PDB file of N, CA and C in Angstrom:
ATOM      1  N   UNK A   1     -20.065  -5.356  25.088  1.00  0.00           N
ATOM      2  CA  UNK A   1     -21.433  -4.500  25.583  1.00  0.00           C
ATOM      3  C   UNK A   1     -21.253  -3.019  24.654  1.00  0.00           C
ATOM      4  N   UNK A   2     -22.554  -3.245  23.740  1.00  0.00           N
ATOM      5  CA  UNK A   2     -22.881  -1.945  23.406  1.00  0.00           C
ATOM      6  C   UNK A   2     -23.338  -0.651  23.753  1.00  0.00           C
ATOM      7  N   UNK A   3     -22.872   0.674  23.727  1.00  0.00           N
ATOM      8  CA  UNK A   3     -23.531   1.050  24.399  1.00  0.00           C
ATOM      9  C   UNK A   3     -24.374   2.574  23.251  1.00  0.00           C
ATOM     10  N   UNK A   4     -25.604   3.176  23.680  1.00  0.00           N
ATOM     11  CA  UNK A   4     -26.420   3.940  23.275  1.00  0.00           C
ATOM     12  C   UNK A   4     -26.085   5.275  23.185  1.00  0.00           C
ATOM     13  N   UNK A   5     -25.117   6.268  22.090  1.00  0.00           N
ATOM     14  CA  UNK A   5     -24.553   7.374  22.703  1.00  0.00           C
ATOM     15  C   UNK A   5     -25.166   8.463  22.254  1.00  0.00           C
ATOM     16  N   UNK A   6     -26.320   8.396  21.613  1.00  0.00           N
ATOM     17  CA  UNK A   6     -27.077   9.670  21.196  1.00  0.00           C
ATOM     18  C   UNK A   6     -28.494   8.810  20.517  1.00  0.00           C
ATOM     19  N   UNK A   7     -29.742   9.717  20.608  1.00  0.00           N
ATOM     20  CA  UNK A   7     -30.581   9.386  19.975  1.00  0.00           C
ATOM     21  C   UNK A   7     -31.545  10.396  19.248  1.00  0.00           C
ATOM     22  N   UNK A   8     -31.462  10.305  18.037  1.00  0.00           N
ATOM     23  CA  UNK A   8     -32.853  11.822  17.015  1.00  0.00           C
ATOM     24  C   UNK A   8     -33.231  10.950  16.373  1.00  0.00           C
ATOM     25  N   UNK A   9     -34.486  11.113  17.068  1.00  0.00           N
ATOM     26  CA  UNK A   9     -35.345  10.345  16.464  1.00  0.00           C
ATOM     27  C   UNK A   9     -35.322   9.247  16.339  1.00  0.00           C
ATOM     28  N   UNK A  10     -35.605   8.574  15.241  1.00  0.00           N
ATOM     29  CA  UNK A  10     -35.776   6.757  14.849  1.00  0.00           C
ATOM     30  C   UNK A  10     -34.596   6.311  14.605  1.00  0.00           C
ATOM     31  N   UNK A  11     -33.470   7.294  14.865  1.00  0.00           N
ATOM     32  CA  UNK A  11     -31.711   7.103  14.967  1.00  0.00           C
ATOM     33  C   UNK A  11     -30.964   6.960  15.574  1.00  0.00           C
ATOM     34  N   UNK A  12     -30.592   5.553  16.339  1.00  0.00           N
ATOM     35  CA  UNK A  12     -29.543   6.016  17.332  1.00  0.00           C
ATOM     36  C   UNK A  12     -28.488   5.099  17.165  1.00  0.00           C
ATOM     37  N   UNK A  13     -27.303   5.717  17.155  1.00  0.00           N
ATOM     38  CA  UNK A  13     -26.093   5.471  17.100  1.00  0.00           C
ATOM     39  C   UNK A  13     -25.932   4.238  17.981  1.00  0.00           C
ATOM     40  N   UNK A  14     -24.746   3.176  17.529  1.00  0.00           N
ATOM     41  CA  UNK A  14     -24.070   1.957  18.403  1.00  0.00           C
ATOM     42  C   UNK A  14     -22.810   2.358  18.187  1.00  0.00           C
ATOM     43  N   UNK A  15     -21.887   2.306  19.671  1.00  0.00           N
ATOM     44  CA  UNK A  15     -20.481   2.113  18.999  1.00  0.00           C
ATOM     45  C   UNK A  15     -20.039   0.710  19.798  1.00  0.00           C
ATOM     46  N   UNK A  16     -19.252   0.562  18.996  1.00  0.00           N
ATOM     47  CA  UNK A  16     -18.308  -0.524  19.637  1.00  0.00           C
ATOM     48  C   UNK A  16     -17.700  -0.474  20.733  1.00  0.00           C
ATOM     49  N   UNK A  17     -17.471  -1.058  22.373  1.00  0.00           N
ATOM     50  CA  UNK A  17     -16.049  -0.826  22.787  1.00  0.00           C
ATOM     51  C   UNK A  17     -15.406  -1.830  23.389  1.00  0.00           C
ATOM     52  N   UNK A  18     -16.161  -3.116  22.491  1.00  0.00           N
ATOM     53  CA  UNK A  18     -15.097  -4.366  22.907  1.00  0.00           C
ATOM     54  C   UNK A  18     -15.149  -4.781  21.751  1.00  0.00           C
ATOM     55  N   UNK A  19     -13.469  -5.350  21.074  1.00  0.00           N
ATOM     56  CA  UNK A  19     -13.177  -5.589  20.100  1.00  0.00           C
ATOM     57  C   UNK A  19     -13.866  -6.861  19.864  1.00  0.00           C
ATOM     58  N   UNK A  20     -14.427  -7.829  20.555  1.00  0.00           N
ATOM     59  CA  UNK A  20     -15.533  -9.024  20.372  1.00  0.00           C
ATOM     60  C   UNK A  20     -17.074  -8.607  19.902  1.00  0.00           C
ATOM     61  N   UNK A  21     -17.457  -7.216  19.854  1.00  0.00           N
ATOM     62  CA  UNK A  21     -18.357  -7.317  19.647  1.00  0.00           C
ATOM     63  C   UNK A  21     -19.354  -7.482  18.081  1.00  0.00           C
ATOM     64  N   UNK A  22     -18.197  -7.860  17.554  1.00  0.00           N
ATOM     65  CA  UNK A  22     -18.319  -8.035  15.755  1.00  0.00           C
ATOM     66  C   UNK A  22     -18.401  -9.611  15.617  1.00  0.00           C
ATOM     67  N   UNK A  23     -18.182 -10.432  16.582  1.00  0.00           N
ATOM     68  CA  UNK A  23     -18.593 -11.849  16.648  1.00  0.00           C
ATOM     69  C   UNK A  23     -17.067 -12.345  16.218  1.00  0.00           C
ATOM     70  N   UNK A  24     -16.252 -11.798  16.464  1.00  0.00           N
ATOM     71  CA  UNK A  24     -14.831 -12.266  16.385  1.00  0.00           C
ATOM     72  C   UNK A  24     -14.102 -11.983  17.759  1.00  0.00           C
ATOM     73  N   UNK A  25     -13.683 -13.863  18.265  1.00  0.00           N
ATOM     74  CA  UNK A  25     -13.383 -14.146  19.648  1.00  0.00           C
ATOM     75  C   UNK A  25     -12.127 -13.618  19.730  1.00  0.00           C
ATOM     76  N   UNK A  26     -11.129 -13.177  18.926  1.00  0.00           N
ATOM     77  CA  UNK A  26      -9.894 -12.542  18.685  1.00  0.00           C
ATOM     78  C   UNK A  26      -9.090 -14.153  19.005  1.00  0.00           C
ATOM     79  N   UNK A  27      -9.689 -15.304  19.153  1.00  0.00           N
ATOM     80  CA  UNK A  27      -8.767 -16.447  18.861  1.00  0.00           C
ATOM     81  C   UNK A  27      -8.987 -16.955  17.762  1.00  0.00           C
ATOM     82  N   UNK A  28      -7.302 -18.040  17.604  1.00  0.00           N
ATOM     83  CA  UNK A  28      -7.091 -18.233  16.270  1.00  0.00           C
ATOM     84  C   UNK A  28      -8.025 -19.612  15.768  1.00  0.00           C
ATOM     85  N   UNK A  29      -8.091 -19.594  14.233  1.00  0.00           N
ATOM     86  CA  UNK A  29      -9.029 -21.152  13.781  1.00  0.00           C
ATOM     87  C   UNK A  29      -7.875 -21.551  14.262  1.00  0.00           C
ATOM     88  N   UNK A  30      -7.899 -23.088  13.837  1.00  0.00           N
ATOM     89  CA  UNK A  30      -7.047 -24.242  13.580  1.00  0.00           C
ATOM     90  C   UNK A  30      -6.570 -24.097  11.769  1.00  0.00           C
ATOM     91  N   UNK A  31      -5.584 -23.719  12.396  1.00  0.00           N
ATOM     92  CA  UNK A  31      -4.620 -24.033  10.702  1.00  0.00           C
ATOM     93  C   UNK A  31      -4.025 -25.229  10.345  1.00  0.00           C
ATOM     94  N   UNK A  32      -5.024 -25.934   9.810  1.00  0.00           N
ATOM     95  CA  UNK A  32      -4.866 -27.147   9.199  1.00  0.00           C
ATOM     96  C   UNK A  32      -4.061 -26.643   7.712  1.00  0.00           C
ATOM     97  N   UNK A  33      -4.664 -25.997   7.081  1.00  0.00           N
ATOM     98  CA  UNK A  33      -4.292 -25.731   5.865  1.00  0.00           C
ATOM     99  C   UNK A  33      -4.259 -24.341   5.428  1.00  0.00           C
ATOM    100  N   UNK A  34      -3.681 -24.096   4.035  1.00  0.00           N
ATOM    101  CA  UNK A  34      -3.647 -22.520   3.518  1.00  0.00           C
ATOM    102  C   UNK A  34      -5.472 -22.446   3.579  1.00  0.00           C
ATOM    103  N   UNK A  35      -6.314 -22.667   2.912  1.00  0.00           N
ATOM    104  CA  UNK A  35      -7.491 -22.170   3.242  1.00  0.00           C
ATOM    105  C   UNK A  35      -7.823 -21.336   4.705  1.00  0.00           C
ATOM    106  N   UNK A  36      -7.697 -22.381   5.666  1.00  0.00           N
ATOM    107  CA  UNK A  36      -7.955 -21.764   6.859  1.00  0.00           C
ATOM    108  C   UNK A  36      -7.091 -20.452   7.034  1.00  0.00           C
ATOM    109  N   UNK A  37      -6.110 -20.435   6.717  1.00  0.00           N
ATOM    110  CA  UNK A  37      -5.056 -19.196   6.717  1.00  0.00           C
ATOM    111  C   UNK A  37      -5.881 -18.303   5.886  1.00  0.00           C
ATOM    112  N   UNK A  38      -6.395 -18.072   5.125  1.00  0.00           N
ATOM    113  CA  UNK A  38      -7.110 -17.245   4.263  1.00  0.00           C
ATOM    114  C   UNK A  38      -8.038 -16.707   4.788  1.00  0.00           C
ATOM    115  N   UNK A  39      -8.739 -17.780   5.385  1.00  0.00           N
ATOM    116  CA  UNK A  39      -9.849 -17.157   5.770  1.00  0.00           C
ATOM    117  C   UNK A  39      -9.929 -16.589   7.164  1.00  0.00           C
ATOM    118  N   UNK A  40      -8.855 -17.019   8.082  1.00  0.00           N
ATOM    119  CA  UNK A  40      -8.634 -16.000   9.391  1.00  0.00           C
ATOM    120  C   UNK A  40      -8.229 -14.807   8.507  1.00  0.00           C
ATOM    121  N   UNK A  41      -7.211 -14.652   8.090  1.00  0.00           N
ATOM    122  CA  UNK A  41      -6.313 -13.625   7.275  1.00  0.00           C
ATOM    123  C   UNK A  41      -7.542 -12.345   6.648  1.00  0.00           C
ATOM    124  N   UNK A  42      -8.621 -12.941   6.102  1.00  0.00           N
ATOM    125  CA  UNK A  42      -9.740 -11.949   5.137  1.00  0.00           C
ATOM    126  C   UNK A  42     -10.800 -11.933   6.832  1.00  0.00           C
ATOM    127  N   UNK A  43     -11.102 -12.662   7.362  1.00  0.00           N
ATOM    128  CA  UNK A  43     -11.805 -12.215   8.276  1.00  0.00           C
ATOM    129  C   UNK A  43     -11.113 -11.021   9.696  1.00  0.00           C
ATOM    130  N   UNK A  44      -9.958 -11.116   9.790  1.00  0.00           N
ATOM    131  CA  UNK A  44      -9.019 -10.449  10.714  1.00  0.00           C
ATOM    132  C   UNK A  44      -9.105  -8.906   9.460  1.00  0.00           C
ATOM    133  N   UNK A  45      -8.904  -8.770   8.446  1.00  0.00           N
ATOM    134  CA  UNK A  45      -8.632  -8.034   7.807  1.00  0.00           C
ATOM    135  C   UNK A  45     -10.226  -7.033   8.088  1.00  0.00           C
ATOM    136  N   UNK A  46     -11.125  -7.783   7.959  1.00  0.00           N
ATOM    137  CA  UNK A  46     -12.581  -7.094   7.588  1.00  0.00           C
ATOM    138  C   UNK A  46     -13.088  -6.768   9.166  1.00  0.00           C
ATOM    139  N   UNK A  47     -12.698  -7.407  10.141  1.00  0.00           N
ATOM    140  CA  UNK A  47     -12.803  -6.714  11.393  1.00  0.00           C
ATOM    141  C   UNK A  47     -11.972  -5.494  11.584  1.00  0.00           C
ATOM    142  N   UNK A  48     -11.024  -5.852  10.636  1.00  0.00           N
ATOM    143  CA  UNK A  48     -10.128  -3.784  11.407  1.00  0.00           C
ATOM    144  C   UNK A  48     -10.689  -3.265  10.816  1.00  0.00           C
ATOM    145  N   UNK A  49     -11.129  -3.755   9.271  1.00  0.00           N
ATOM    146  CA  UNK A  49     -11.909  -2.335   8.475  1.00  0.00           C
ATOM    147  C   UNK A  49     -12.844  -1.376   9.309  1.00  0.00           C
ATOM    148  N   UNK A  50     -13.522  -2.734   9.798  1.00  0.00           N
ATOM    149  CA  UNK A  50     -14.863  -2.237  10.763  1.00  0.00           C
ATOM    150  C   UNK A  50     -14.561  -1.539  11.720  1.00  0.00           C
ATOM    151  N   UNK A  51     -13.146  -1.923  12.761  1.00  0.00           N
ATOM    152  CA  UNK A  51     -13.320  -1.010  13.332  1.00  0.00           C
ATOM    153  C   UNK A  51     -12.556   0.157  13.139  1.00  0.00           C
ATOM    154  N   UNK A  52     -11.650   0.333  12.189  1.00  0.00           N
ATOM    155  CA  UNK A  52     -11.520   1.635  11.066  1.00  0.00           C
ATOM    156  C   UNK A  52     -12.921   2.540  11.054  1.00  0.00           C
ATOM    157  N   UNK A  53     -13.702   1.924  10.698  1.00  0.00           N
ATOM    158  CA  UNK A  53     -14.713   2.646  10.029  1.00  0.00           C
ATOM    159  C   UNK A  53     -15.198   2.914  11.447  1.00  0.00           C
ATOM    160  N   UNK A  54     -15.768   2.118  12.337  1.00  0.00           N
ATOM    161  CA  UNK A  54     -16.405   2.525  13.764  1.00  0.00           C
ATOM    162  C   UNK A  54     -15.330   3.655  14.360  1.00  0.00           C
ATOM    163  N   UNK A  55     -14.097   3.845  14.800  1.00  0.00           N
ATOM    164  CA  UNK A  55     -13.303   4.870  15.016  1.00  0.00           C
ATOM    165  C   UNK A  55     -13.495   6.182  14.393  1.00  0.00           C
ATOM    166  N   UNK A  56     -13.986   6.078  13.508  1.00  0.00           N
ATOM    167  CA  UNK A  56     -13.971   7.198  12.249  1.00  0.00           C
ATOM    168  C   UNK A  56     -15.097   8.081  12.985  1.00  0.00           C
ATOM    169  N   UNK A  57     -16.395   7.024  12.748  1.00  0.00           N
ATOM    170  CA  UNK A  57     -17.667   7.404  13.188  1.00  0.00           C
ATOM    171  C   UNK A  57     -17.310   8.426  14.797  1.00  0.00           C
ATOM    172  N   UNK A  58     -16.822   7.639  15.562  1.00  0.00           N
ATOM    173  CA  UNK A  58     -16.551   8.262  17.105  1.00  0.00           C
ATOM    174  C   UNK A  58     -15.890   9.113  17.194  1.00  0.00           C
ATOM    175  N   UNK A  59     -15.080   9.493  16.717  1.00  0.00           N
ATOM    176  CA  UNK A  59     -14.285  10.867  16.141  1.00  0.00           C
ATOM    177  C   UNK A  59     -15.089  11.833  15.792  1.00  0.00           C
ATOM    178  N   UNK A  60     -15.898  11.354  14.567  1.00  0.00           N
ATOM    179  CA  UNK A  60     -16.822  12.526  14.030  1.00  0.00           C
ATOM    180  C   UNK A  60     -17.861  13.266  15.263  1.00  0.00           C
ATOM    181  N   UNK A  61     -18.276  11.974  15.911  1.00  0.00           N
ATOM    182  CA  UNK A  61     -19.404  12.743  16.731  1.00  0.00           C
ATOM    183  C   UNK A  61     -18.612  13.328  18.064  1.00  0.00           C
ATOM    184  N   UNK A  62     -17.376  12.997  18.645  1.00  0.00           N
ATOM    185  CA  UNK A  62     -16.874  13.837  19.584  1.00  0.00           C
ATOM    186  C   UNK A  62     -16.608  14.957  18.736  1.00  0.00           C
ATOM    187  N   UNK A  63     -15.874  15.034  17.564  1.00  0.00           N
ATOM    188  CA  UNK A  63     -15.587  17.042  17.318  1.00  0.00           C
ATOM    189  C   UNK A  63     -16.721  17.628  17.214  1.00  0.00           C
ATOM    190  N   UNK A  64     -17.950  16.833  16.951  1.00  0.00           N
ATOM    191  CA  UNK A  64     -19.154  17.495  16.785  1.00  0.00           C
ATOM    192  C   UNK A  64     -19.906  17.638  17.882  1.00  0.00           C
ATOM    193  N   UNK A  65     -19.616  17.236  18.731  1.00  0.00           N
ATOM    194  CA  UNK A  65     -20.147  17.385  20.524  1.00  0.00           C
ATOM    195  C   UNK A  65     -19.218  18.252  20.737  1.00  0.00           C
ATOM    196  N   UNK A  66     -17.739  18.650  20.498  1.00  0.00           N
ATOM    197  CA  UNK A  66     -16.788  19.466  20.964  1.00  0.00           C
ATOM    198  C   UNK A  66     -17.651  20.764  20.749  1.00  0.00           C
ATOM    199  N   UNK A  67     -17.570  20.837  19.106  1.00  0.00           N
ATOM    200  CA  UNK A  67     -17.875  21.867  18.390  1.00  0.00           C
ATOM    201  C   UNK A  67     -19.312  22.435  19.060  1.00  0.00           C
ATOM    202  N   UNK A  68     -19.970  21.898  19.331  1.00  0.00           N
ATOM    203  CA  UNK A  68     -21.408  22.088  20.313  1.00  0.00           C
ATOM    204  C   UNK A  68     -21.250  22.808  21.759  1.00  0.00           C
ATOM    205  N   UNK A  69     -20.192  22.271  22.440  1.00  0.00           N
ATOM    206  CA  UNK A  69     -20.115  22.246  23.854  1.00  0.00           C
ATOM    207  C   UNK A  69     -19.107  23.531  23.997  1.00  0.00           C
ATOM    208  N   UNK A  70     -18.115  23.372  23.368  1.00  0.00           N
ATOM    209  CA  UNK A  70     -16.731  24.362  23.634  1.00  0.00           C
ATOM    210  C   UNK A  70     -16.634  24.385  22.107  1.00  0.00           C
ATOM    211  N   UNK A  71     -17.074  25.730  21.470  1.00  0.00           N
ATOM    212  CA  UNK A  71     -16.686  26.538  20.027  1.00  0.00           C
ATOM    213  C   UNK A  71     -15.316  26.748  20.035  1.00  0.00           C
ATOM    214  N   UNK A  72     -14.850  27.131  20.987  1.00  0.00           N
ATOM    215  CA  UNK A  72     -13.728  27.881  20.527  1.00  0.00           C
ATOM    216  C   UNK A  72     -12.438  26.711  20.801  1.00  0.00           C
ATOM    217  N   UNK A  73     -12.456  25.687  20.848  1.00  0.00           N
ATOM    218  CA  UNK A  73     -10.906  24.705  21.136  1.00  0.00           C
ATOM    219  C   UNK A  73     -11.625  23.532  19.782  1.00  0.00           C
ATOM    220  N   UNK A  74     -12.456  23.967  19.214  1.00  0.00           N
ATOM    221  CA  UNK A  74     -12.587  22.862  17.724  1.00  0.00           C
ATOM    222  C   UNK A  74     -12.439  24.032  16.486  1.00  0.00           C
ATOM    223  N   UNK A  75     -11.671  23.382  15.855  1.00  0.00           N
ATOM    224  CA  UNK A  75     -11.800  24.340  14.394  1.00  0.00           C
ATOM    225  C   UNK A  75     -12.934  23.741  13.332  1.00  0.00           C
ATOM    226  N   UNK A  76     -13.640  24.261  12.867  1.00  0.00           N
ATOM    227  CA  UNK A  76     -14.922  23.636  11.906  1.00  0.00           C
ATOM    228  C   UNK A  76     -14.282  22.953  10.737  1.00  0.00           C
ATOM    229  N   UNK A  77     -13.187  23.402   9.967  1.00  0.00           N
ATOM    230  CA  UNK A  77     -13.025  22.232   8.993  1.00  0.00           C
ATOM    231  C   UNK A  77     -12.615  21.232   9.699  1.00  0.00           C
ATOM    232  N   UNK A  78     -12.255  21.281  10.879  1.00  0.00           N
ATOM    233  CA  UNK A  78     -11.444  19.902  11.138  1.00  0.00           C
ATOM    234  C   UNK A  78     -12.977  18.866  11.258  1.00  0.00           C
ATOM    235  N   UNK A  79     -13.727  19.743  12.014  1.00  0.00           N
ATOM    236  CA  UNK A  79     -15.472  18.758  12.143  1.00  0.00           C
ATOM    237  C   UNK A  79     -16.289  18.298  10.654  1.00  0.00           C
ATOM    238  N   UNK A  80     -16.119  19.293   9.448  1.00  0.00           N
ATOM    239  CA  UNK A  80     -16.394  19.188   8.842  1.00  0.00           C
ATOM    240  C   UNK A  80     -15.261  17.898   8.002  1.00  0.00           C
ATOM    241  N   UNK A  81     -14.528  17.952   8.155  1.00  0.00           N
ATOM    242  CA  UNK A  81     -13.035  16.720   7.553  1.00  0.00           C
ATOM    243  C   UNK A  81     -13.429  15.416   8.230  1.00  0.00           C
ATOM    244  N   UNK A  82     -13.654  15.416   9.500  1.00  0.00           N
ATOM    245  CA  UNK A  82     -14.157  14.477  10.299  1.00  0.00           C
ATOM    246  C   UNK A  82     -15.160  13.376  10.271  1.00  0.00           C
ATOM    247  N   UNK A  83     -16.570  14.385   9.787  1.00  0.00           N
ATOM    248  CA  UNK A  83     -17.699  14.268   9.093  1.00  0.00           C
ATOM    249  C   UNK A  83     -17.763  13.855   8.051  1.00  0.00           C
ATOM    250  N   UNK A  84     -17.032  14.534   7.037  1.00  0.00           N
ATOM    251  CA  UNK A  84     -16.977  13.521   5.545  1.00  0.00           C
ATOM    252  C   UNK A  84     -16.023  12.405   5.693  1.00  0.00           C
ATOM    253  N   UNK A  85     -14.942  12.327   6.337  1.00  0.00           N
ATOM    254  CA  UNK A  85     -14.359  10.825   6.313  1.00  0.00           C
ATOM    255  C   UNK A  85     -15.167   9.645   6.811  1.00  0.00           C
ATOM    256  N   UNK A  86     -16.113   9.679   7.803  1.00  0.00           N
ATOM    257  CA  UNK A  86     -16.892   9.141   8.573  1.00  0.00           C
ATOM    258  C   UNK A  86     -17.739   8.744   7.502  1.00  0.00           C
ATOM    259  N   UNK A  87     -18.556   9.576   7.077  1.00  0.00           N
ATOM    260  CA  UNK A  87     -19.557   9.523   6.075  1.00  0.00           C
ATOM    261  C   UNK A  87     -19.140   8.497   4.960  1.00  0.00           C
ATOM    262  N   UNK A  88     -18.177   8.905   4.067  1.00  0.00           N
ATOM    263  CA  UNK A  88     -17.348   8.473   2.940  1.00  0.00           C
ATOM    264  C   UNK A  88     -17.466   6.849   3.304  1.00  0.00           C
ATOM    265  N   UNK A  89     -16.443   6.452   4.198  1.00  0.00           N
ATOM    266  CA  UNK A  89     -15.837   5.313   5.449  1.00  0.00           C
ATOM    267  C   UNK A  89     -17.440   4.481   5.037  1.00  0.00           C
ATOM    268  N   UNK A  90     -18.386   5.153   5.765  1.00  0.00           N
ATOM    269  CA  UNK A  90     -19.533   3.945   6.422  1.00  0.00           C
ATOM    270  C   UNK A  90     -20.362   3.781   4.890  1.00  0.00           C
ATOM    271  N   UNK A  91     -20.073   4.606   3.788  1.00  0.00           N
ATOM    272  CA  UNK A  91     -20.786   4.519   2.166  1.00  0.00           C
ATOM    273  C   UNK A  91     -20.153   3.334   1.729  1.00  0.00           C
ATOM    274  N   UNK A  92     -18.386   3.234   1.991  1.00  0.00           N
ATOM    275  CA  UNK A  92     -18.067   2.607   1.324  1.00  0.00           C
ATOM    276  C   UNK A  92     -18.407   1.252   1.885  1.00  0.00           C
ATOM    277  N   UNK A  93     -18.114   0.789   3.025  1.00  0.00           N
ATOM    278  CA  UNK A  93     -18.802  -0.137   4.124  1.00  0.00           C
ATOM    279  C   UNK A  93     -19.802  -1.030   3.766  1.00  0.00           C
ATOM    280  N   UNK A  94     -20.569   0.145   3.757  1.00  0.00           N
ATOM    281  CA  UNK A  94     -21.781  -0.413   3.173  1.00  0.00           C
ATOM    282  C   UNK A  94     -21.812  -0.948   1.964  1.00  0.00           C
ATOM    283  N   UNK A  95     -21.569  -0.402   0.935  1.00  0.00           N
ATOM    284  CA  UNK A  95     -21.268  -0.715  -0.417  1.00  0.00           C
ATOM    285  C   UNK A  95     -20.607  -2.290  -0.822  1.00  0.00           C
ATOM    286  N   UNK A  96     -19.198  -2.611   0.357  1.00  0.00           N
ATOM    287  CA  UNK A  96     -18.485  -3.805  -0.040  1.00  0.00           C
ATOM    288  C   UNK A  96     -19.457  -4.734   0.671  1.00  0.00           C
ATOM    289  N   UNK A  97     -20.495  -5.103   2.041  1.00  0.00           N
ATOM    290  CA  UNK A  97     -20.860  -5.708   2.713  1.00  0.00           C
ATOM    291  C   UNK A  97     -22.129  -6.276   1.590  1.00  0.00           C
ATOM    292  N   UNK A  98     -22.673  -4.846   0.687  1.00  0.00           N
ATOM    293  CA  UNK A  98     -24.033  -5.215   0.148  1.00  0.00           C
ATOM    294  C   UNK A  98     -23.442  -6.158  -1.122  1.00  0.00           C
ATOM    295  N   UNK A  99     -22.085  -5.902  -1.547  1.00  0.00           N
ATOM    296  CA  UNK A  99     -21.713  -6.934  -2.792  1.00  0.00           C
ATOM    297  C   UNK A  99     -21.208  -8.243  -2.182  1.00  0.00           C
ATOM    298  N   UNK A 100     -21.002  -8.382  -0.904  1.00  0.00           N
ATOM    299  CA  UNK A 100     -20.414  -9.557  -0.467  1.00  0.00           C
ATOM    300  C   UNK A 100     -21.796 -10.581  -0.453  1.00  0.00           C
ATOM    301  N   UNK A 101     -22.683  -9.845   0.135  1.00  0.00           N
ATOM    302  CA  UNK A 101     -24.079 -10.446   0.630  1.00  0.00           C
ATOM    303  C   UNK A 101     -24.710 -10.535  -1.198  1.00  0.00           C
ATOM    304  N   UNK A 102     -24.690  -9.782  -2.035  1.00  0.00           N
ATOM    305  CA  UNK A 102     -24.992 -10.379  -3.323  1.00  0.00           C
ATOM    306  C   UNK A 102     -24.347 -11.908  -3.851  1.00  0.00           C
ATOM    307  N   UNK A 103     -22.961 -11.640  -3.722  1.00  0.00           N
ATOM    308  CA  UNK A 103     -21.803 -12.579  -4.145  1.00  0.00           C
ATOM    309  C   UNK A 103     -22.430 -13.742  -3.434  1.00  0.00           C
ATOM    310  N   UNK A 104     -22.508 -13.736  -2.155  1.00  0.00           N
ATOM    311  CA  UNK A 104     -23.132 -14.996  -1.083  1.00  0.00           C
ATOM    312  C   UNK A 104     -24.154 -15.451  -1.802  1.00  0.00           C
ATOM    313  N   UNK A 105     -25.808 -14.879  -2.270  1.00  0.00           N
ATOM    314  CA  UNK A 105     -26.603 -15.190  -2.621  1.00  0.00           C
ATOM    315  C   UNK A 105     -26.416 -16.170  -3.710  1.00  0.00           C
ATOM    316  N   UNK A 106     -25.668 -15.616  -4.766  1.00  0.00           N
ATOM    317  CA  UNK A 106     -25.168 -15.770  -6.456  1.00  0.00           C
ATOM    318  C   UNK A 106     -24.471 -17.428  -5.970  1.00  0.00           C
ATOM    319  N   UNK A 107     -23.697 -17.748  -5.129  1.00  0.00           N
ATOM    320  CA  UNK A 107     -22.887 -18.839  -4.749  1.00  0.00           C
ATOM    321  C   UNK A 107     -24.145 -19.682  -4.177  1.00  0.00           C
ATOM    322  N   UNK A 108     -25.289 -19.512  -3.294  1.00  0.00           N
ATOM    323  CA  UNK A 108     -25.921 -20.262  -2.582  1.00  0.00           C
ATOM    324  C   UNK A 108     -26.787 -20.871  -3.940  1.00  0.00           C
ATOM    325  N   UNK A 109     -27.134 -19.781  -4.875  1.00  0.00           N
ATOM    326  CA  UNK A 109     -27.923 -20.382  -6.296  1.00  0.00           C
ATOM    327  C   UNK A 109     -27.565 -20.752  -7.192  1.00  0.00           C
ATOM    328  N   UNK A 110     -25.988 -21.217  -7.128  1.00  0.00           N
ATOM    329  CA  UNK A 110     -25.516 -22.005  -8.281  1.00  0.00           C
ATOM    330  C   UNK A 110     -25.879 -23.644  -8.224  1.00  0.00           C
ATOM    331  N   UNK A 111     -25.952 -24.100  -9.587  1.00  0.00           N
ATOM    332  CA  UNK A 111     -26.121 -25.477  -9.353  1.00  0.00           C
ATOM    333  C   UNK A 111     -25.644 -26.088 -10.486  1.00  0.00           C
TER     334      UNK A 111
END
C-alpha cells in the first residue's frame, strides 16, 4: 500500500511502506543458469538502491516536519544535510533510470 504523506499544489509525495511495492515479489527466480543469477542479483541491487533513496526521502521529510513542529529538537544543519542527500540521491537515480531507458530503446531499435 502506498501512503500519501503530503500534498503541495500538484505535487504529492508517495512513500513505499512495503518492500513489494516496486514490483519485486521477494521470491527468487528459477536459477537454471548464470544469466538468471545475474538478473536476480541486478534486480536485487536496483531494488535496494530504490529503497535507499526512499529512506533518504522519508528521513528528510521527517526532519523537516520536526523542525516545523519542534524546532528545539532538531538542528537546522541536520535538516539541510538530509534534504541535500535526498535531492542528490533522487537526481542520481533519475539519471540512471533515464540511461537505462535509453539503452533499452537502443536495444529494441537494433536490427
